[in-house]
PDB file of N, CA and C in Angstrom:
ATOM      1  N   MET A   1       9.662   7.929  19.161  1.00  0.00           N
ATOM      2  CA  MET A   1       8.125   7.343  18.404  1.00  0.00           C
ATOM      3  C   MET A   1       7.957   8.554  17.137  1.00  0.00           C
ATOM      4  N   THR A   2       7.691   8.497  15.983  1.00  0.00           N
ATOM      5  CA  THR A   2       7.107   9.354  15.322  1.00  0.00           C
ATOM      6  C   THR A   2       5.930   9.318  14.514  1.00  0.00           C
ATOM      7  N   VAL A   3       4.835   9.852  13.819  1.00  0.00           N
ATOM      8  CA  VAL A   3       4.496   9.356  13.165  1.00  0.00           C
ATOM      9  C   VAL A   3       4.172  10.178  12.044  1.00  0.00           C
ATOM     10  N   LEU A   4       4.792   8.968  10.463  1.00  0.00           N
ATOM     11  CA  LEU A   4       5.047   9.363   9.354  1.00  0.00           C
ATOM     12  C   LEU A   4       3.794   9.167   8.825  1.00  0.00           C
ATOM     13  N   ARG A   5       3.616  10.160   7.452  1.00  0.00           N
ATOM     14  CA  ARG A   5       2.000   9.934   6.784  1.00  0.00           C
ATOM     15  C   ARG A   5       3.006   9.441   5.558  1.00  0.00           C
ATOM     16  N   VAL A   6       1.993   8.670   4.612  1.00  0.00           N
ATOM     17  CA  VAL A   6       3.056   8.028   3.239  1.00  0.00           C
ATOM     18  C   VAL A   6       1.652   7.652   2.680  1.00  0.00           C
ATOM     19  N   SER A   7       1.442   8.430   1.521  1.00  0.00           N
ATOM     20  CA  SER A   7       0.638   8.502   0.485  1.00  0.00           C
ATOM     21  C   SER A   7       1.377   7.804  -0.925  1.00  0.00           C
ATOM     22  N   SER A   8       1.051   7.379  -1.636  1.00  0.00           N
ATOM     23  CA  SER A   8       1.018   6.743  -2.882  1.00  0.00           C
ATOM     24  C   SER A   8       0.199   6.403  -4.220  1.00  0.00           C
ATOM     25  N   ILE A   9       0.696   6.367  -5.036  1.00  0.00           N
ATOM     26  CA  ILE A   9      -0.207   5.878  -6.026  1.00  0.00           C
ATOM     27  C   ILE A   9      -0.135   5.111  -7.019  1.00  0.00           C
ATOM     28  N   ILE A  10      -0.594   4.212  -7.714  1.00  0.00           N
ATOM     29  CA  ILE A  10      -0.473   3.500  -8.993  1.00  0.00           C
ATOM     30  C   ILE A  10      -1.772   3.267 -10.148  1.00  0.00           C
ATOM     31  N   LYS A  11      -1.533   2.739 -11.268  1.00  0.00           N
ATOM     32  CA  LYS A  11      -2.957   3.001 -11.644  1.00  0.00           C
ATOM     33  C   LYS A  11      -3.391   0.926 -11.596  1.00  0.00           C
ATOM     34  N   LEU A  12      -4.841   0.948 -11.566  1.00  0.00           N
ATOM     35  CA  LEU A  12      -5.672  -0.597 -11.774  1.00  0.00           C
ATOM     36  C   LEU A  12      -5.720  -0.775 -12.823  1.00  0.00           C
ATOM     37  N   ARG A  13      -5.476  -1.729 -12.910  1.00  0.00           N
ATOM     38  CA  ARG A  13      -5.544  -1.983 -14.704  1.00  0.00           C
ATOM     39  C   ARG A  13      -7.604  -2.358 -14.959  1.00  0.00           C
ATOM     40  N   PRO A  14      -8.090  -1.409 -16.018  1.00  0.00           N
ATOM     41  CA  PRO A  14      -9.597  -1.644 -16.011  1.00  0.00           C
ATOM     42  C   PRO A  14      -9.988  -2.691 -16.006  1.00  0.00           C
ATOM     43  N   GLU A  15      -9.130  -4.037 -16.446  1.00  0.00           N
ATOM     44  CA  GLU A  15      -9.781  -5.396 -16.490  1.00  0.00           C
ATOM     45  C   GLU A  15      -9.727  -5.959 -14.680  1.00  0.00           C
ATOM     46  N   LYS A  16      -9.087  -5.535 -14.626  1.00  0.00           N
ATOM     47  CA  LYS A  16      -8.593  -6.111 -13.069  1.00  0.00           C
ATOM     48  C   LYS A  16      -9.917  -5.274 -11.797  1.00  0.00           C
ATOM     49  N   GLU A  17     -10.525  -4.631 -12.479  1.00  0.00           N
ATOM     50  CA  GLU A  17     -10.968  -3.490 -11.354  1.00  0.00           C
ATOM     51  C   GLU A  17     -12.038  -4.668  -9.965  1.00  0.00           C
ATOM     52  N   GLY A  18     -12.699  -5.189 -10.954  1.00  0.00           N
ATOM     53  CA  GLY A  18     -14.146  -5.868  -9.936  1.00  0.00           C
ATOM     54  C   GLY A  18     -12.942  -6.943  -9.131  1.00  0.00           C
ATOM     55  N   GLU A  19     -12.057  -7.630  -9.713  1.00  0.00           N
ATOM     56  CA  GLU A  19     -11.372  -8.706  -8.880  1.00  0.00           C
ATOM     57  C   GLU A  19     -10.339  -7.664  -7.732  1.00  0.00           C
ATOM     58  N   TYR A  20     -10.000  -6.514  -7.393  1.00  0.00           N
ATOM     59  CA  TYR A  20      -9.336  -5.815  -6.979  1.00  0.00           C
ATOM     60  C   TYR A  20     -10.257  -5.666  -5.794  1.00  0.00           C
ATOM     61  N   ARG A  21     -11.371  -5.289  -6.212  1.00  0.00           N
ATOM     62  CA  ARG A  21     -12.751  -4.890  -5.067  1.00  0.00           C
ATOM     63  C   ARG A  21     -12.425  -6.087  -4.542  1.00  0.00           C
ATOM     64  N   VAL A  22     -13.048  -7.471  -5.331  1.00  0.00           N
ATOM     65  CA  VAL A  22     -13.458  -8.491  -4.254  1.00  0.00           C
ATOM     66  C   VAL A  22     -12.044  -8.868  -2.981  1.00  0.00           C
ATOM     67  N   LEU A  23     -10.757  -8.542  -3.391  1.00  0.00           N
ATOM     68  CA  LEU A  23     -10.063  -9.409  -3.226  1.00  0.00           C
ATOM     69  C   LEU A  23     -10.087  -8.173  -1.568  1.00  0.00           C
ATOM     70  N   HIS A  24     -10.215  -6.408  -1.569  1.00  0.00           N
ATOM     71  CA  HIS A  24     -10.236  -5.840  -0.493  1.00  0.00           C
ATOM     72  C   HIS A  24     -11.424  -5.543   0.441  1.00  0.00           C
ATOM     73  N   GLU A  25     -12.395  -6.567  -0.206  1.00  0.00           N
ATOM     74  CA  GLU A  25     -13.480  -6.842   0.635  1.00  0.00           C
ATOM     75  C   GLU A  25     -13.211  -7.777   1.601  1.00  0.00           C
ATOM     76  N   ALA A  26     -12.297  -8.572   1.847  1.00  0.00           N
ATOM     77  CA  ALA A  26     -11.329  -9.426   2.610  1.00  0.00           C
ATOM     78  C   ALA A  26     -10.622  -9.918   2.926  1.00  0.00           C
ATOM     79  N   VAL A  27      -9.607  -8.594   3.230  1.00  0.00           N
ATOM     80  CA  VAL A  27      -8.105  -8.649   3.272  1.00  0.00           C
ATOM     81  C   VAL A  27      -7.614  -9.714   4.562  1.00  0.00           C
ATOM     82  N   TRP A  28      -6.981 -10.561   3.903  1.00  0.00           N
ATOM     83  CA  TRP A  28      -6.723 -11.710   4.598  1.00  0.00           C
ATOM     84  C   TRP A  28      -6.291 -11.163   6.159  1.00  0.00           C
ATOM     85  N   PRO A  29      -6.436 -12.099   7.339  1.00  0.00           N
ATOM     86  CA  PRO A  29      -6.002 -11.566   8.859  1.00  0.00           C
ATOM     87  C   PRO A  29      -4.584 -11.265   8.359  1.00  0.00           C
ATOM     88  N   ASP A  30      -3.997 -12.409   8.127  1.00  0.00           N
ATOM     89  CA  ASP A  30      -2.437 -12.242   8.663  1.00  0.00           C
ATOM     90  C   ASP A  30      -1.892 -11.159   8.087  1.00  0.00           C
ATOM     91  N   VAL A  31      -2.142 -11.026   6.428  1.00  0.00           N
ATOM     92  CA  VAL A  31      -1.409  -9.528   6.300  1.00  0.00           C
ATOM     93  C   VAL A  31      -2.123  -8.086   6.881  1.00  0.00           C
ATOM     94  N   LEU A  32      -3.117  -8.149   7.800  1.00  0.00           N
ATOM     95  CA  LEU A  32      -3.514  -7.078   8.205  1.00  0.00           C
ATOM     96  C   LEU A  32      -2.740  -7.269   9.744  1.00  0.00           C
ATOM     97  N   GLU A  33      -2.335  -8.293  10.405  1.00  0.00           N
ATOM     98  CA  GLU A  33      -1.723  -8.440  11.565  1.00  0.00           C
ATOM     99  C   GLU A  33      -0.289  -8.132  11.067  1.00  0.00           C
ATOM    100  N   THR A  34       0.386  -8.408  10.130  1.00  0.00           N
ATOM    101  CA  THR A  34       1.580  -7.987  10.072  1.00  0.00           C
ATOM    102  C   THR A  34       1.435  -6.891   9.630  1.00  0.00           C
ATOM    103  N   LEU A  35       0.385  -6.157   8.784  1.00  0.00           N
ATOM    104  CA  LEU A  35       0.801  -4.328   8.770  1.00  0.00           C
ATOM    105  C   LEU A  35       0.488  -3.910  10.122  1.00  0.00           C
ATOM    106  N   ARG A  36      -0.133  -4.129  10.882  1.00  0.00           N
ATOM    107  CA  ARG A  36      -0.375  -3.467  12.568  1.00  0.00           C
ATOM    108  C   ARG A  36       0.824  -3.874  13.120  1.00  0.00           C
ATOM    109  N   ALA A  37       1.794  -5.237  12.933  1.00  0.00           N
ATOM    110  CA  ALA A  37       2.634  -5.287  13.709  1.00  0.00           C
ATOM    111  C   ALA A  37       3.580  -4.592  13.799  1.00  0.00           C
ATOM    112  N   SER A  38       4.129  -4.046  12.644  1.00  0.00           N
ATOM    113  CA  SER A  38       5.178  -3.071  11.753  1.00  0.00           C
ATOM    114  C   SER A  38       4.871  -1.522  11.893  1.00  0.00           C
ATOM    115  N   GLY A  39       3.743  -1.313  12.393  1.00  0.00           N
ATOM    116  CA  GLY A  39       3.250   0.320  12.875  1.00  0.00           C
ATOM    117  C   GLY A  39       2.800   0.783  12.135  1.00  0.00           C
ATOM    118  N   ILE A  40       1.603   0.136  10.946  1.00  0.00           N
ATOM    119  CA  ILE A  40       0.953   0.766  10.103  1.00  0.00           C
ATOM    120  C   ILE A  40      -0.188   0.984  10.725  1.00  0.00           C
ATOM    121  N   THR A  41      -0.720   2.488  10.383  1.00  0.00           N
ATOM    122  CA  THR A  41      -2.257   2.375  11.130  1.00  0.00           C
ATOM    123  C   THR A  41      -2.797   3.345   9.949  1.00  0.00           C
ATOM    124  N   ASN A  42      -4.165   3.403  10.203  1.00  0.00           N
ATOM    125  CA  ASN A  42      -5.117   4.404   9.075  1.00  0.00           C
ATOM    126  C   ASN A  42      -4.851   4.292   7.800  1.00  0.00           C
ATOM    127  N   TYR A  43      -4.602   3.105   7.810  1.00  0.00           N
ATOM    128  CA  TYR A  43      -4.299   2.837   6.174  1.00  0.00           C
ATOM    129  C   TYR A  43      -5.858   2.748   5.477  1.00  0.00           C
ATOM    130  N   SER A  44      -6.015   3.484   4.110  1.00  0.00           N
ATOM    131  CA  SER A  44      -6.834   3.414   3.368  1.00  0.00           C
ATOM    132  C   SER A  44      -6.319   3.118   1.720  1.00  0.00           C
ATOM    133  N   ILE A  45      -6.691   2.607   0.959  1.00  0.00           N
ATOM    134  CA  ILE A  45      -7.060   3.056  -0.220  1.00  0.00           C
ATOM    135  C   ILE A  45      -7.929   3.231  -1.168  1.00  0.00           C
ATOM    136  N   PHE A  46      -7.825   4.220  -2.259  1.00  0.00           N
ATOM    137  CA  PHE A  46      -9.126   4.802  -2.643  1.00  0.00           C
ATOM    138  C   PHE A  46      -8.902   5.034  -4.157  1.00  0.00           C
ATOM    139  N   LEU A  47     -10.057   4.771  -5.023  1.00  0.00           N
ATOM    140  CA  LEU A  47      -9.989   4.671  -6.383  1.00  0.00           C
ATOM    141  C   LEU A  47     -10.875   6.043  -6.972  1.00  0.00           C
ATOM    142  N   ARG A  48     -10.009   6.367  -8.113  1.00  0.00           N
ATOM    143  CA  ARG A  48     -10.851   7.755  -9.188  1.00  0.00           C
ATOM    144  C   ARG A  48      -9.846   7.645 -10.506  1.00  0.00           C
ATOM    145  N   ASP A  49     -11.058   7.574 -11.538  1.00  0.00           N
ATOM    146  CA  ASP A  49     -10.834   7.475 -12.687  1.00  0.00           C
ATOM    147  C   ASP A  49      -9.345   5.994 -13.244  1.00  0.00           C
ATOM    148  N   GLY A  50      -9.469   5.165 -12.263  1.00  0.00           N
ATOM    149  CA  GLY A  50      -8.306   4.185 -12.717  1.00  0.00           C
ATOM    150  C   GLY A  50      -7.216   4.342 -12.186  1.00  0.00           C
ATOM    151  N   MET A  51      -7.194   5.183 -11.306  1.00  0.00           N
ATOM    152  CA  MET A  51      -5.788   5.193 -10.142  1.00  0.00           C
ATOM    153  C   MET A  51      -6.144   5.155  -8.752  1.00  0.00           C
ATOM    154  N   LEU A  52      -5.372   3.866  -8.133  1.00  0.00           N
ATOM    155  CA  LEU A  52      -5.081   4.275  -6.757  1.00  0.00           C
ATOM    156  C   LEU A  52      -5.049   4.875  -6.182  1.00  0.00           C
ATOM    157  N   PHE A  53      -4.811   5.606  -4.950  1.00  0.00           N
ATOM    158  CA  PHE A  53      -4.257   6.176  -4.249  1.00  0.00           C
ATOM    159  C   PHE A  53      -4.046   5.698  -2.572  1.00  0.00           C
ATOM    160  N   SER A  54      -3.106   5.511  -1.641  1.00  0.00           N
ATOM    161  CA  SER A  54      -3.335   5.179  -0.509  1.00  0.00           C
ATOM    162  C   SER A  54      -2.503   6.040   0.436  1.00  0.00           C
ATOM    163  N   TYR A  55      -3.105   5.881   1.453  1.00  0.00           N
ATOM    164  CA  TYR A  55      -2.140   6.440   2.551  1.00  0.00           C
ATOM    165  C   TYR A  55      -2.578   5.749   3.637  1.00  0.00           C
ATOM    166  N   LEU A  56      -1.326   5.823   4.683  1.00  0.00           N
ATOM    167  CA  LEU A  56      -0.914   5.405   5.772  1.00  0.00           C
ATOM    168  C   LEU A  56      -0.238   6.189   6.784  1.00  0.00           C
ATOM    169  N   GLU A  57      -0.205   5.749   7.931  1.00  0.00           N
ATOM    170  CA  GLU A  57       0.349   6.645   8.998  1.00  0.00           C
ATOM    171  C   GLU A  57       1.135   5.203   9.552  1.00  0.00           C
ATOM    172  N   PHE A  58       2.503   5.280   9.968  1.00  0.00           N
ATOM    173  CA  PHE A  58       3.556   4.805  10.506  1.00  0.00           C
ATOM    174  C   PHE A  58       3.815   5.458  11.670  1.00  0.00           C
ATOM    175  N   ILE A  59       3.860   4.511  12.644  1.00  0.00           N
ATOM    176  CA  ILE A  59       3.416   4.917  14.185  1.00  0.00           C
ATOM    177  C   ILE A  59       5.430   3.848  14.440  1.00  0.00           C
ATOM    178  N   GLY A  60       6.746   4.831  14.675  1.00  0.00           N
ATOM    179  CA  GLY A  60       7.402   4.020  14.752  1.00  0.00           C
ATOM    180  C   GLY A  60       8.558   5.075  14.761  1.00  0.00           C
ATOM    181  N   ASP A  61      10.005   4.195  14.676  1.00  0.00           N
ATOM    182  CA  ASP A  61      11.133   4.868  14.022  1.00  0.00           C
ATOM    183  C   ASP A  61      11.859   4.535  13.022  1.00  0.00           C
ATOM    184  N   ASP A  62      11.907   3.209  12.637  1.00  0.00           N
ATOM    185  CA  ASP A  62      12.375   2.711  11.636  1.00  0.00           C
ATOM    186  C   ASP A  62      10.961   2.500  10.233  1.00  0.00           C
ATOM    187  N   TYR A  63      10.858   3.437   9.391  1.00  0.00           N
ATOM    188  CA  TYR A  63      10.467   2.936   8.243  1.00  0.00           C
ATOM    189  C   TYR A  63      11.007   1.669   7.209  1.00  0.00           C
ATOM    190  N   ALA A  64      11.944   1.630   7.191  1.00  0.00           N
ATOM    191  CA  ALA A  64      12.566   1.157   6.085  1.00  0.00           C
ATOM    192  C   ALA A  64      12.201  -0.194   6.779  1.00  0.00           C
ATOM    193  N   ALA A  65      12.932  -0.246   7.866  1.00  0.00           N
ATOM    194  CA  ALA A  65      13.064  -1.822   8.565  1.00  0.00           C
ATOM    195  C   ALA A  65      11.393  -2.105   8.513  1.00  0.00           C
ATOM    196  N   ALA A  66      10.663  -1.580   8.754  1.00  0.00           N
ATOM    197  CA  ALA A  66       9.032  -2.045   9.062  1.00  0.00           C
ATOM    198  C   ALA A  66       8.977  -2.735   7.520  1.00  0.00           C
ATOM    199  N   MET A  67       9.198  -2.020   6.701  1.00  0.00           N
ATOM    200  CA  MET A  67       8.669  -2.037   5.326  1.00  0.00           C
ATOM    201  C   MET A  67       9.653  -3.320   4.816  1.00  0.00           C
ATOM    202  N   VAL A  68      10.516  -3.765   4.913  1.00  0.00           N
ATOM    203  CA  VAL A  68      11.172  -5.122   5.340  1.00  0.00           C
ATOM    204  C   VAL A  68      10.486  -6.344   5.914  1.00  0.00           C
ATOM    205  N   ASN A  69       9.903  -5.877   6.524  1.00  0.00           N
ATOM    206  CA  ASN A  69       9.229  -6.401   8.036  1.00  0.00           C
ATOM    207  C   ASN A  69       8.164  -6.898   7.085  1.00  0.00           C
ATOM    208  N   VAL A  70       7.320  -6.024   6.517  1.00  0.00           N
ATOM    209  CA  VAL A  70       5.923  -6.696   5.668  1.00  0.00           C
ATOM    210  C   VAL A  70       6.641  -7.380   4.321  1.00  0.00           C
ATOM    211  N   ALA A  71       7.354  -6.178   3.836  1.00  0.00           N
ATOM    212  CA  ALA A  71       8.191  -7.445   2.531  1.00  0.00           C
ATOM    213  C   ALA A  71       8.415  -8.800   2.247  1.00  0.00           C
ATOM    214  N   SER A  72       8.662  -9.115   4.110  1.00  0.00           N
ATOM    215  CA  SER A  72       9.188 -10.438   3.723  1.00  0.00           C
ATOM    216  C   SER A  72       8.288 -11.486   4.585  1.00  0.00           C
ATOM    217  N   ASP A  73       7.355 -10.932   5.066  1.00  0.00           N
ATOM    218  CA  ASP A  73       5.683 -11.753   5.306  1.00  0.00           C
ATOM    219  C   ASP A  73       5.877 -12.999   4.609  1.00  0.00           C
ATOM    220  N   GLU A  74       5.226 -14.328   4.670  1.00  0.00           N
ATOM    221  CA  GLU A  74       4.516 -15.508   3.601  1.00  0.00           C
ATOM    222  C   GLU A  74       3.548 -14.975   3.089  1.00  0.00           C
ATOM    223  N   ALA A  75       2.256 -14.145   4.102  1.00  0.00           N
ATOM    224  CA  ALA A  75       1.067 -14.049   3.760  1.00  0.00           C
ATOM    225  C   ALA A  75       0.960 -13.132   2.775  1.00  0.00           C
ATOM    226  N   THR A  76       1.963 -12.096   3.315  1.00  0.00           N
ATOM    227  CA  THR A  76       2.057 -11.090   2.451  1.00  0.00           C
ATOM    228  C   THR A  76       2.410 -11.286   1.174  1.00  0.00           C
ATOM    229  N   LYS A  77       3.360 -12.289   0.732  1.00  0.00           N
ATOM    230  CA  LYS A  77       3.748 -12.281  -0.735  1.00  0.00           C
ATOM    231  C   LYS A  77       2.837 -12.871  -1.392  1.00  0.00           C
ATOM    232  N   LYS A  78       2.049 -13.967  -0.713  1.00  0.00           N
ATOM    233  CA  LYS A  78       1.117 -14.448  -1.174  1.00  0.00           C
ATOM    234  C   LYS A  78      -0.341 -13.371  -1.697  1.00  0.00           C
ATOM    235  N   TRP A  79      -0.279 -12.060  -0.939  1.00  0.00           N
ATOM    236  CA  TRP A  79      -1.567 -11.732  -1.103  1.00  0.00           C
ATOM    237  C   TRP A  79      -0.882 -10.565  -2.341  1.00  0.00           C
ATOM    238  N   TRP A  80       0.697 -10.349  -2.484  1.00  0.00           N
ATOM    239  CA  TRP A  80       0.942  -9.238  -3.627  1.00  0.00           C
ATOM    240  C   TRP A  80       0.933 -10.215  -4.805  1.00  0.00           C
ATOM    241  N   LYS A  81       0.783 -11.669  -5.116  1.00  0.00           N
ATOM    242  CA  LYS A  81       0.995 -12.335  -5.993  1.00  0.00           C
ATOM    243  C   LYS A  81      -0.485 -11.686  -6.211  1.00  0.00           C
ATOM    244  N   LEU A  82      -1.422 -11.767  -5.886  1.00  0.00           N
ATOM    245  CA  LEU A  82      -2.972 -11.501  -6.562  1.00  0.00           C
ATOM    246  C   LEU A  82      -2.887 -10.426  -6.689  1.00  0.00           C
ATOM    247  N   THR A  83      -3.078  -8.962  -5.621  1.00  0.00           N
ATOM    248  CA  THR A  83      -2.990  -7.865  -6.233  1.00  0.00           C
ATOM    249  C   THR A  83      -1.871  -7.187  -7.020  1.00  0.00           C
ATOM    250  N   ASP A  84      -0.671  -7.801  -7.527  1.00  0.00           N
ATOM    251  CA  ASP A  84      -0.076  -6.913  -7.867  1.00  0.00           C
ATOM    252  C   ASP A  84      -0.362  -6.909  -9.669  1.00  0.00           C
ATOM    253  N   PRO A  85      -0.401  -8.299 -10.423  1.00  0.00           N
ATOM    254  CA  PRO A  85      -1.087  -8.007 -11.007  1.00  0.00           C
ATOM    255  C   PRO A  85      -2.786  -7.133 -12.046  1.00  0.00           C
ATOM    256  N   CYS A  86      -2.941  -6.618 -10.762  1.00  0.00           N
ATOM    257  CA  CYS A  86      -4.639  -5.692 -10.761  1.00  0.00           C
ATOM    258  C   CYS A  86      -3.770  -4.251 -11.047  1.00  0.00           C
ATOM    259  N   GLN A  87      -2.387  -4.388 -10.902  1.00  0.00           N
ATOM    260  CA  GLN A  87      -1.847  -2.632 -10.759  1.00  0.00           C
ATOM    261  C   GLN A  87      -0.565  -2.770 -11.822  1.00  0.00           C
ATOM    262  N   GLN A  88      -0.946  -1.128 -11.913  1.00  0.00           N
ATOM    263  CA  GLN A  88       0.101  -0.660 -13.510  1.00  0.00           C
ATOM    264  C   GLN A  88       1.191  -0.193 -12.917  1.00  0.00           C
ATOM    265  N   PRO A  89       2.385   0.067 -12.806  1.00  0.00           N
ATOM    266  CA  PRO A  89       3.184   1.044 -11.849  1.00  0.00           C
ATOM    267  C   PRO A  89       2.879   2.042 -13.216  1.00  0.00           C
ATOM    268  N   LEU A  90       3.026   3.501 -12.644  1.00  0.00           N
ATOM    269  CA  LEU A  90       2.908   4.835 -13.124  1.00  0.00           C
ATOM    270  C   LEU A  90       4.357   4.660 -13.740  1.00  0.00           C
ATOM    271  N   ASP A  91       4.784   5.468 -15.110  1.00  0.00           N
ATOM    272  CA  ASP A  91       5.682   5.712 -15.831  1.00  0.00           C
ATOM    273  C   ASP A  91       6.926   6.256 -14.876  1.00  0.00           C
ATOM    274  N   SER A  92       6.640   6.949 -14.423  1.00  0.00           N
ATOM    275  CA  SER A  92       7.919   7.621 -13.489  1.00  0.00           C
ATOM    276  C   SER A  92       8.420   7.479 -12.450  1.00  0.00           C
ATOM    277  N   VAL A  93       8.036   5.948 -11.810  1.00  0.00           N
ATOM    278  CA  VAL A  93       8.815   5.335 -10.673  1.00  0.00           C
ATOM    279  C   VAL A  93      10.280   4.937 -10.730  1.00  0.00           C
ATOM    280  N   THR A  94      10.889   4.444  -9.926  1.00  0.00           N
ATOM    281  CA  THR A  94      12.328   4.338 -10.233  1.00  0.00           C
ATOM    282  C   THR A  94      12.402   3.050  -9.905  1.00  0.00           C
ATOM    283  N   ALA A  95      13.532   2.231 -10.156  1.00  0.00           N
ATOM    284  CA  ALA A  95      13.709   0.992 -10.151  1.00  0.00           C
ATOM    285  C   ALA A  95      13.286   0.127  -9.026  1.00  0.00           C
ATOM    286  N   ASN A  96      13.181   0.867  -7.465  1.00  0.00           N
ATOM    287  CA  ASN A  96      12.821   0.058  -6.805  1.00  0.00           C
ATOM    288  C   ASN A  96      11.450   0.574  -6.032  1.00  0.00           C
ATOM    289  N   GLU A  97      10.833   1.304  -6.833  1.00  0.00           N
ATOM    290  CA  GLU A  97       9.198   1.110  -6.454  1.00  0.00           C
ATOM    291  C   GLU A  97       8.345   0.125  -7.127  1.00  0.00           C
ATOM    292  N   TRP A  98       7.063   0.031  -6.848  1.00  0.00           N
ATOM    293  CA  TRP A  98       5.980  -0.199  -7.130  1.00  0.00           C
ATOM    294  C   TRP A  98       5.017   0.534  -7.398  1.00  0.00           C
ATOM    295  N   TRP A  99       4.235   1.095  -5.904  1.00  0.00           N
ATOM    296  CA  TRP A  99       3.898   2.488  -5.994  1.00  0.00           C
ATOM    297  C   TRP A  99       4.645   3.630  -6.074  1.00  0.00           C
ATOM    298  N   ALA A 100       4.198   4.583  -6.468  1.00  0.00           N
ATOM    299  CA  ALA A 100       4.817   5.834  -6.516  1.00  0.00           C
ATOM    300  C   ALA A 100       4.659   6.592  -5.642  1.00  0.00           C
ATOM    301  N   GLY A 101       5.189   6.792  -4.975  1.00  0.00           N
ATOM    302  CA  GLY A 101       5.099   7.709  -3.300  1.00  0.00           C
ATOM    303  C   GLY A 101       4.909   9.292  -3.865  1.00  0.00           C
ATOM    304  N   ALA A 102       3.896   9.592  -3.240  1.00  0.00           N
ATOM    305  CA  ALA A 102       3.417  10.909  -3.533  1.00  0.00           C
ATOM    306  C   ALA A 102       4.149  12.167  -2.395  1.00  0.00           C
ATOM    307  N   GLU A 103       4.110  12.880  -3.006  1.00  0.00           N
ATOM    308  CA  GLU A 103       4.841  14.219  -1.558  1.00  0.00           C
ATOM    309  C   GLU A 103       3.925  14.882  -1.176  1.00  0.00           C
ATOM    310  N   GLU A 104       3.679  15.200   0.062  1.00  0.00           N
ATOM    311  CA  GLU A 104       2.693  15.741   1.225  1.00  0.00           C
ATOM    312  C   GLU A 104       3.241  17.662   1.101  1.00  0.00           C
ATOM    313  N   ILE A 105       2.182  18.164   0.292  1.00  0.00           N
ATOM    314  CA  ILE A 105       2.603  19.341   0.070  1.00  0.00           C
ATOM    315  C   ILE A 105       1.660  19.878   1.350  1.00  0.00           C
ATOM    316  N   PHE A 106       0.124  19.491   2.535  1.00  0.00           N
ATOM    317  CA  PHE A 106      -0.443  19.961   2.774  1.00  0.00           C
ATOM    318  C   PHE A 106      -1.259  19.369   4.090  1.00  0.00           C
ATOM    319  N   HIS A 107      -0.865  19.839   5.503  1.00  0.00           N
ATOM    320  CA  HIS A 107      -1.251  18.618   6.589  1.00  0.00           C
ATOM    321  C   HIS A 107      -2.169  19.732   7.128  1.00  0.00           C
ATOM    322  N   LEU A 108      -3.226  19.401   7.750  1.00  0.00           N
ATOM    323  CA  LEU A 108      -4.327  19.737   8.808  1.00  0.00           C
ATOM    324  C   LEU A 108      -4.421  18.925   9.884  1.00  0.00           C
ATOM    325  N   ASP A 109      -3.907  19.117  10.803  1.00  0.00           N
ATOM    326  CA  ASP A 109      -4.116  18.376  12.606  1.00  0.00           C
ATOM    327  C   ASP A 109      -5.362  18.725  13.079  1.00  0.00           C
TER     328      ASP A 109
END
């Protein structure tokens, strides 16, 4: 098993900031359990100047398969129906991205 550090960025729609904050004060237990069961740990989302920055660590051997598992979870799909309207992808995302991946250029253990 390996540890993969993953970060990504997306814009937060200014008129949706309050709603987004309230949602994340009480993330649904089923959504959290799906993340944990998929190998996601140490997951944080930060906000600055209208930009959301997420950081997580994946512990496992197949990150892509883990993300398919998360995306197929019914509770997570319902959660995303609430959170997605609060977000606006960056202009630079690819066709298959919502959050834009960010390149790690430094890490200190």
